[in-house]
C-alpha cells in the first residue's frame, strides 16, 4: 500500500469500510489482542483522527480477523 505524502494537499475521501479493514489487518499482522479496540487510549486516538469512525467490539474484530485468516490461507 502506498504511503501518503505528508506534504500533499490532496483531498481524500473517507471510506469507513476501508478504515475498518485496515484496522482488522493491523490487529492481524501485528498480533494485537482483540481487546485492543476497547482500550480507551485507542478509542480516544481514533476519535481525534475521525470522530465518525465507529470502533467495533472485540467480538466483531475477532470474527473479521478469522475471515481474513481463512481468506489468506486459501490464497496461499
PDB file of N, CA and C in Angstrom:
ATOM      1  N   UNK A   1       0.838  -1.171   0.000  1.00  0.00           N
ATOM      2  CA  UNK A   1       0.000   0.000   0.000  1.00  0.00           C
ATOM      3  C   UNK A   1       0.887   1.240   0.000  1.00  0.00           C
ATOM      4  N   UNK A   2       0.655   2.170  -0.927  1.00  0.00           N
ATOM      5  CA  UNK A   2       1.488   3.373  -0.976  1.00  0.00           C
ATOM      6  C   UNK A   2       1.264   4.251   0.251  1.00  0.00           C
ATOM      7  N   UNK A   3       2.320   4.891   0.680  1.00  0.00           N
ATOM      8  CA  UNK A   3       2.241   5.798   1.824  1.00  0.00           C
ATOM      9  C   UNK A   3       1.856   7.191   1.336  1.00  0.00           C
ATOM     10  N   UNK A   4       0.969   7.867   2.058  1.00  0.00           N
ATOM     11  CA  UNK A   4       0.594   9.220   1.652  1.00  0.00           C
ATOM     12  C   UNK A   4       1.753  10.196   1.846  1.00  0.00           C
ATOM     13  N   UNK A   5       1.810  11.166   0.962  1.00  0.00           N
ATOM     14  CA  UNK A   5       2.818  12.216   1.064  1.00  0.00           C
ATOM     15  C   UNK A   5       2.345  13.218   2.120  1.00  0.00           C
ATOM     16  N   UNK A   6       3.070  13.387   3.226  1.00  0.00           N
ATOM     17  CA  UNK A   6       2.618  14.303   4.279  1.00  0.00           C
ATOM     18  C   UNK A   6       2.566  15.758   3.835  1.00  0.00           C
ATOM     19  N   UNK A   7       3.249  16.100   2.746  1.00  0.00           N
ATOM     20  CA  UNK A   7       3.253  17.472   2.255  1.00  0.00           C
ATOM     21  C   UNK A   7       2.169  17.719   1.210  1.00  0.00           C
ATOM     22  N   UNK A   8       1.428  16.693   0.845  1.00  0.00           N
ATOM     23  CA  UNK A   8       0.399  16.824  -0.174  1.00  0.00           C
ATOM     24  C   UNK A   8      -0.842  17.506   0.392  1.00  0.00           C
ATOM     25  N   UNK A   9      -1.458  18.330  -0.420  1.00  0.00           N
ATOM     26  CA  UNK A   9      -2.699  18.990  -0.035  1.00  0.00           C
ATOM     27  C   UNK A   9      -3.897  18.311  -0.692  1.00  0.00           C
ATOM     28  N   UNK A  10      -3.641  17.158  -1.294  1.00  0.00           N
ATOM     29  CA  UNK A  10      -4.693  16.409  -1.971  1.00  0.00           C
ATOM     30  C   UNK A  10      -5.784  16.031  -0.980  1.00  0.00           C
ATOM     31  N   UNK A  11      -7.026  16.287  -1.379  1.00  0.00           N
ATOM     32  CA  UNK A  11      -8.156  15.946  -0.520  1.00  0.00           C
ATOM     33  C   UNK A  11      -8.486  14.462  -0.702  1.00  0.00           C
ATOM     34  N   UNK A  12      -8.694  13.788   0.405  1.00  0.00           N
ATOM     35  CA  UNK A  12      -9.032  12.368   0.365  1.00  0.00           C
ATOM     36  C   UNK A  12     -10.443  12.172   0.894  1.00  0.00           C
ATOM     37  N   UNK A  13     -11.124  11.209   0.326  1.00  0.00           N
ATOM     38  CA  UNK A  13     -12.451  10.858   0.815  1.00  0.00           C
ATOM     39  C   UNK A  13     -12.334   9.764   1.857  1.00  0.00           C
ATOM     40  N   UNK A  14     -13.093   9.903   2.907  1.00  0.00           N
ATOM     41  CA  UNK A  14     -13.095   8.911   3.981  1.00  0.00           C
ATOM     42  C   UNK A  14     -13.950   7.724   3.563  1.00  0.00           C
ATOM     43  N   UNK A  15     -13.386   6.544   3.684  1.00  0.00           N
ATOM     44  CA  UNK A  15     -14.081   5.305   3.358  1.00  0.00           C
ATOM     45  C   UNK A  15     -14.146   4.463   4.628  1.00  0.00           C
ATOM     46  N   UNK A  16     -15.301   4.443   5.313  1.00  0.00           N
ATOM     47  CA  UNK A  16     -15.385   3.723   6.583  1.00  0.00           C
ATOM     48  C   UNK A  16     -15.124   2.223   6.447  1.00  0.00           C
ATOM     49  N   UNK A  17     -15.506   1.634   5.341  1.00  0.00           N
ATOM     50  CA  UNK A  17     -15.255   0.194   5.123  1.00  0.00           C
ATOM     51  C   UNK A  17     -13.759  -0.072   5.036  1.00  0.00           C
ATOM     52  N   UNK A  18     -13.062   0.768   4.286  1.00  0.00           N
ATOM     53  CA  UNK A  18     -11.605   0.601   4.159  1.00  0.00           C
ATOM     54  C   UNK A  18     -10.929   0.796   5.521  1.00  0.00           C
ATOM     55  N   UNK A  19     -11.366   1.810   6.258  1.00  0.00           N
ATOM     56  CA  UNK A  19     -10.787   2.072   7.578  1.00  0.00           C
ATOM     57  C   UNK A  19     -10.984   0.865   8.496  1.00  0.00           C
ATOM     58  N   UNK A  20     -12.154   0.279   8.447  1.00  0.00           N
ATOM     59  CA  UNK A  20     -12.430  -0.897   9.278  1.00  0.00           C
ATOM     60  C   UNK A  20     -11.490  -2.038   8.920  1.00  0.00           C
ATOM     61  N   UNK A  21     -11.332  -2.336   7.630  1.00  0.00           N
ATOM     62  CA  UNK A  21     -10.488  -3.463   7.222  1.00  0.00           C
ATOM     63  C   UNK A  21      -9.005  -3.177   7.435  1.00  0.00           C
ATOM     64  N   UNK A  22      -8.609  -1.918   7.386  1.00  0.00           N
ATOM     65  CA  UNK A  22      -7.219  -1.585   7.723  1.00  0.00           C
ATOM     66  C   UNK A  22      -6.973  -1.840   9.210  1.00  0.00           C
ATOM     67  N   UNK A  23      -7.967  -1.556  10.039  1.00  0.00           N
ATOM     68  CA  UNK A  23      -7.857  -1.861  11.468  1.00  0.00           C
ATOM     69  C   UNK A  23      -7.745  -3.374  11.676  1.00  0.00           C
ATOM     70  N   UNK A  24      -8.577  -4.130  10.979  1.00  0.00           N
ATOM     71  CA  UNK A  24      -8.524  -5.599  11.078  1.00  0.00           C
ATOM     72  C   UNK A  24      -7.142  -6.092  10.664  1.00  0.00           C
ATOM     73  N   UNK A  25      -6.631  -5.589   9.544  1.00  0.00           N
ATOM     74  CA  UNK A  25      -5.304  -6.009   9.072  1.00  0.00           C
ATOM     75  C   UNK A  25      -4.213  -5.665  10.081  1.00  0.00           C
ATOM     76  N   UNK A  26      -4.301  -4.474  10.678  1.00  0.00           N
ATOM     77  CA  UNK A  26      -3.301  -4.060  11.651  1.00  0.00           C
ATOM     78  C   UNK A  26      -3.290  -5.019  12.842  1.00  0.00           C
ATOM     79  N   UNK A  27      -4.457  -5.345  13.364  1.00  0.00           N
ATOM     80  CA  UNK A  27      -4.550  -6.254  14.502  1.00  0.00           C
ATOM     81  C   UNK A  27      -4.035  -7.636  14.117  1.00  0.00           C
ATOM     82  N   UNK A  28      -4.384  -8.085  12.922  1.00  0.00           N
ATOM     83  CA  UNK A  28      -3.977  -9.397  12.431  1.00  0.00           C
ATOM     84  C   UNK A  28      -2.468  -9.473  12.232  1.00  0.00           C
ATOM     85  N   UNK A  29      -1.902  -8.522  11.519  1.00  0.00           N
ATOM     86  CA  UNK A  29      -0.473  -8.541  11.178  1.00  0.00           C
ATOM     87  C   UNK A  29       0.413  -8.370  12.404  1.00  0.00           C
ATOM     88  N   UNK A  30       0.010  -7.507  13.309  1.00  0.00           N
ATOM     89  CA  UNK A  30       0.841  -7.216  14.487  1.00  0.00           C
ATOM     90  C   UNK A  30       0.479  -8.081  15.696  1.00  0.00           C
ATOM     91  N   UNK A  31      -0.449  -9.019  15.471  1.00  0.00           N
ATOM     92  CA  UNK A  31      -0.857  -9.951  16.521  1.00  0.00           C
ATOM     93  C   UNK A  31      -1.271  -9.220  17.803  1.00  0.00           C
ATOM     94  N   UNK A  32      -2.051  -8.155  17.631  1.00  0.00           N
ATOM     95  CA  UNK A  32      -2.554  -7.405  18.776  1.00  0.00           C
ATOM     96  C   UNK A  32      -3.729  -8.158  19.394  1.00  0.00           C
ATOM     97  N   UNK A  33      -3.977  -7.961  20.663  1.00  0.00           N
ATOM     98  CA  UNK A  33      -5.148  -8.610  21.267  1.00  0.00           C
ATOM     99  C   UNK A  33      -6.428  -8.005  20.693  1.00  0.00           C
ATOM    100  N   UNK A  34      -7.455  -8.834  20.555  1.00  0.00           N
ATOM    101  CA  UNK A  34      -8.726  -8.333  20.020  1.00  0.00           C
ATOM    102  C   UNK A  34      -9.292  -7.226  20.904  1.00  0.00           C
ATOM    103  N   UNK A  35      -8.979  -7.267  22.192  1.00  0.00           N
ATOM    104  CA  UNK A  35      -9.468  -6.243  23.118  1.00  0.00           C
ATOM    105  C   UNK A  35      -8.826  -4.880  22.867  1.00  0.00           C
ATOM    106  N   UNK A  36      -7.836  -4.827  21.987  1.00  0.00           N
ATOM    107  CA  UNK A  36      -7.173  -3.564  21.650  1.00  0.00           C
ATOM    108  C   UNK A  36      -8.192  -2.496  21.269  1.00  0.00           C
ATOM    109  N   UNK A  37      -9.260  -2.904  20.569  1.00  0.00           N
ATOM    110  CA  UNK A  37     -10.268  -1.936  20.120  1.00  0.00           C
ATOM    111  C   UNK A  37     -11.065  -1.359  21.279  1.00  0.00           C
ATOM    112  N   UNK A  38     -10.967  -1.959  22.439  1.00  0.00           N
ATOM    113  CA  UNK A  38     -11.711  -1.469  23.594  1.00  0.00           C
ATOM    114  C   UNK A  38     -10.859  -0.611  24.528  1.00  0.00           C
ATOM    115  N   UNK A  39      -9.569  -0.485  24.243  1.00  0.00           N
ATOM    116  CA  UNK A  39      -8.705   0.366  25.070  1.00  0.00           C
ATOM    117  C   UNK A  39      -9.136   1.827  24.911  1.00  0.00           C
ATOM    118  N   UNK A  40      -9.285   2.487  26.034  1.00  0.00           N
ATOM    119  CA  UNK A  40      -9.715   3.879  25.984  1.00  0.00           C
ATOM    120  C   UNK A  40      -8.739   4.749  25.189  1.00  0.00           C
ATOM    121  N   UNK A  41      -7.440   4.529  25.364  1.00  0.00           N
ATOM    122  CA  UNK A  41      -6.445   5.317  24.629  1.00  0.00           C
ATOM    123  C   UNK A  41      -6.588   5.156  23.125  1.00  0.00           C
ATOM    124  N   UNK A  42      -6.856   3.924  22.670  1.00  0.00           N
ATOM    125  CA  UNK A  42      -7.057   3.685  21.246  1.00  0.00           C
ATOM    126  C   UNK A  42      -8.306   4.413  20.755  1.00  0.00           C
ATOM    127  N   UNK A  43      -9.384   4.307  21.505  1.00  0.00           N
ATOM    128  CA  UNK A  43     -10.638   4.962  21.101  1.00  0.00           C
ATOM    129  C   UNK A  43     -10.478   6.488  21.054  1.00  0.00           C
ATOM    130  N   UNK A  44      -9.771   7.037  22.023  1.00  0.00           N
ATOM    131  CA  UNK A  44      -9.549   8.494  22.026  1.00  0.00           C
ATOM    132  C   UNK A  44      -8.706   8.906  20.821  1.00  0.00           C
ATOM    133  N   UNK A  45      -7.683   8.111  20.521  1.00  0.00           N
ATOM    134  CA  UNK A  45      -6.823   8.393  19.373  1.00  0.00           C
ATOM    135  C   UNK A  45      -7.628   8.357  18.077  1.00  0.00           C
ATOM    136  N   UNK A  46      -8.404   7.309  17.894  1.00  0.00           N
ATOM    137  CA  UNK A  46      -9.221   7.186  16.683  1.00  0.00           C
ATOM    138  C   UNK A  46     -10.200   8.346  16.579  1.00  0.00           C
ATOM    139  N   UNK A  47     -10.840   8.683  17.679  1.00  0.00           N
ATOM    140  CA  UNK A  47     -11.792   9.791  17.675  1.00  0.00           C
ATOM    141  C   UNK A  47     -11.106  11.102  17.293  1.00  0.00           C
ATOM    142  N   UNK A  48      -9.869  11.294  17.739  1.00  0.00           N
ATOM    143  CA  UNK A  48      -9.153  12.530  17.401  1.00  0.00           C
ATOM    144  C   UNK A  48      -8.855  12.599  15.906  1.00  0.00           C
ATOM    145  N   UNK A  49      -8.681  11.431  15.268  1.00  0.00           N
ATOM    146  CA  UNK A  49      -8.426  11.403  13.825  1.00  0.00           C
ATOM    147  C   UNK A  49      -9.705  11.558  13.021  1.00  0.00           C
ATOM    148  N   UNK A  50     -10.750  10.851  13.468  1.00  0.00           N
ATOM    149  CA  UNK A  50     -12.017  10.899  12.752  1.00  0.00           C
ATOM    150  C   UNK A  50     -13.148  10.531  13.706  1.00  0.00           C
ATOM    151  N   UNK A  51     -13.881  11.530  14.171  1.00  0.00           N
ATOM    152  CA  UNK A  51     -14.955  11.271  15.132  1.00  0.00           C
ATOM    153  C   UNK A  51     -16.086  10.398  14.575  1.00  0.00           C
ATOM    154  N   UNK A  52     -16.166  10.257  13.269  1.00  0.00           N
ATOM    155  CA  UNK A  52     -17.248   9.458  12.694  1.00  0.00           C
ATOM    156  C   UNK A  52     -16.912   7.971  12.579  1.00  0.00           C
ATOM    157  N   UNK A  53     -15.644   7.604  12.838  1.00  0.00           N
ATOM    158  CA  UNK A  53     -15.266   6.187  12.747  1.00  0.00           C
ATOM    159  C   UNK A  53     -15.911   5.416  13.887  1.00  0.00           C
ATOM    160  N   UNK A  54     -16.621   4.351  13.533  1.00  0.00           N
ATOM    161  CA  UNK A  54     -17.276   3.530  14.537  1.00  0.00           C
ATOM    162  C   UNK A  54     -16.373   2.357  14.892  1.00  0.00           C
ATOM    163  N   UNK A  55     -15.800   2.413  16.079  1.00  0.00           N
ATOM    164  CA  UNK A  55     -14.950   1.323  16.547  1.00  0.00           C
ATOM    165  C   UNK A  55     -15.868   0.181  16.956  1.00  0.00           C
ATOM    166  N   UNK A  56     -15.591  -1.003  16.436  1.00  0.00           N
ATOM    167  CA  UNK A  56     -16.428  -2.162  16.717  1.00  0.00           C
ATOM    168  C   UNK A  56     -15.918  -2.901  17.951  1.00  0.00           C
ATOM    169  N   UNK A  57     -16.673  -3.885  18.374  1.00  0.00           N
ATOM    170  CA  UNK A  57     -16.308  -4.658  19.563  1.00  0.00           C
ATOM    171  C   UNK A  57     -15.185  -5.640  19.263  1.00  0.00           C
ATOM    172  N   UNK A  58     -14.605  -6.179  20.329  1.00  0.00           N
ATOM    173  CA  UNK A  58     -13.550  -7.179  20.151  1.00  0.00           C
ATOM    174  C   UNK A  58     -14.101  -8.452  19.517  1.00  0.00           C
ATOM    175  N   UNK A  59     -15.385  -8.734  19.731  1.00  0.00           N
ATOM    176  CA  UNK A  59     -16.001  -9.908  19.109  1.00  0.00           C
ATOM    177  C   UNK A  59     -16.062  -9.743  17.595  1.00  0.00           C
ATOM    178  N   UNK A  60     -16.452  -8.570  17.141  1.00  0.00           N
ATOM    179  CA  UNK A  60     -16.516  -8.297  15.700  1.00  0.00           C
ATOM    180  C   UNK A  60     -15.131  -8.346  15.083  1.00  0.00           C
ATOM    181  N   UNK A  61     -14.146  -7.757  15.754  1.00  0.00           N
ATOM    182  CA  UNK A  61     -12.771  -7.783  15.239  1.00  0.00           C
ATOM    183  C   UNK A  61     -12.267  -9.215  15.170  1.00  0.00           C
ATOM    184  N   UNK A  62     -12.580 -10.017  16.169  1.00  0.00           N
ATOM    185  CA  UNK A  62     -12.166 -11.418  16.177  1.00  0.00           C
ATOM    186  C   UNK A  62     -12.731 -12.156  14.967  1.00  0.00           C
ATOM    187  N   UNK A  63     -14.014 -11.982  14.719  1.00  0.00           N
ATOM    188  CA  UNK A  63     -14.660 -12.638  13.574  1.00  0.00           C
ATOM    189  C   UNK A  63     -14.019 -12.176  12.269  1.00  0.00           C
ATOM    190  N   UNK A  64     -13.784 -10.875  12.137  1.00  0.00           N
ATOM    191  CA  UNK A  64     -13.187 -10.337  10.908  1.00  0.00           C
ATOM    192  C   UNK A  64     -11.746 -10.812  10.730  1.00  0.00           C
ATOM    193  N   UNK A  65     -10.987 -10.937  11.824  1.00  0.00           N
ATOM    194  CA  UNK A  65      -9.619 -11.453  11.730  1.00  0.00           C
ATOM    195  C   UNK A  65      -9.630 -12.915  11.287  1.00  0.00           C
ATOM    196  N   UNK A  66     -10.584 -13.677  11.785  1.00  0.00           N
ATOM    197  CA  UNK A  66     -10.701 -15.068  11.363  1.00  0.00           C
ATOM    198  C   UNK A  66     -11.059 -15.157   9.877  1.00  0.00           C
ATOM    199  N   UNK A  67     -11.939 -14.272   9.433  1.00  0.00           N
ATOM    200  CA  UNK A  67     -12.280 -14.230   7.997  1.00  0.00           C
ATOM    201  C   UNK A  67     -11.036 -13.917   7.172  1.00  0.00           C
ATOM    202  N   UNK A  68     -10.253 -12.939   7.619  1.00  0.00           N
ATOM    203  CA  UNK A  68      -9.032 -12.566   6.913  1.00  0.00           C
ATOM    204  C   UNK A  68      -8.042 -13.725   6.911  1.00  0.00           C
ATOM    205  N   UNK A  69      -7.922 -14.417   8.037  1.00  0.00           N
ATOM    206  CA  UNK A  69      -7.028 -15.565   8.126  1.00  0.00           C
ATOM    207  C   UNK A  69      -7.420 -16.638   7.109  1.00  0.00           C
ATOM    208  N   UNK A  70      -8.696 -16.978   7.064  1.00  0.00           N
ATOM    209  CA  UNK A  70      -9.157 -18.021   6.135  1.00  0.00           C
ATOM    210  C   UNK A  70      -8.979 -17.571   4.683  1.00  0.00           C
ATOM    211  N   UNK A  71      -9.206 -16.298   4.433  1.00  0.00           N
ATOM    212  CA  UNK A  71      -9.003 -15.756   3.082  1.00  0.00           C
ATOM    213  C   UNK A  71      -7.532 -15.851   2.679  1.00  0.00           C
ATOM    214  N   UNK A  72      -6.650 -15.487   3.591  1.00  0.00           N
ATOM    215  CA  UNK A  72      -5.203 -15.537   3.301  1.00  0.00           C
ATOM    216  C   UNK A  72      -4.736 -16.986   3.126  1.00  0.00           C
ATOM    217  N   UNK A  73      -5.275 -17.868   3.918  1.00  0.00           N
ATOM    218  CA  UNK A  73      -4.896 -19.274   3.844  1.00  0.00           C
ATOM    219  C   UNK A  73      -5.319 -19.878   2.504  1.00  0.00           C
ATOM    220  N   UNK A  74      -6.490 -19.506   2.010  1.00  0.00           N
ATOM    221  CA  UNK A  74      -6.971 -20.017   0.719  1.00  0.00           C
ATOM    222  C   UNK A  74      -6.122 -19.485  -0.433  1.00  0.00           C
ATOM    223  N   UNK A  75      -5.626 -18.285  -0.298  1.00  0.00           N
ATOM    224  CA  UNK A  75      -4.832 -17.664  -1.366  1.00  0.00           C
ATOM    225  C   UNK A  75      -3.369 -18.084  -1.334  1.00  0.00           C
ATOM    226  N   UNK A  76      -2.967 -18.774  -0.287  1.00  0.00           N
ATOM    227  CA  UNK A  76      -1.564 -19.174  -0.145  1.00  0.00           C
ATOM    228  C   UNK A  76      -1.337 -20.443  -0.834  1.00  0.00           C
TER     229      UNK A  76
END
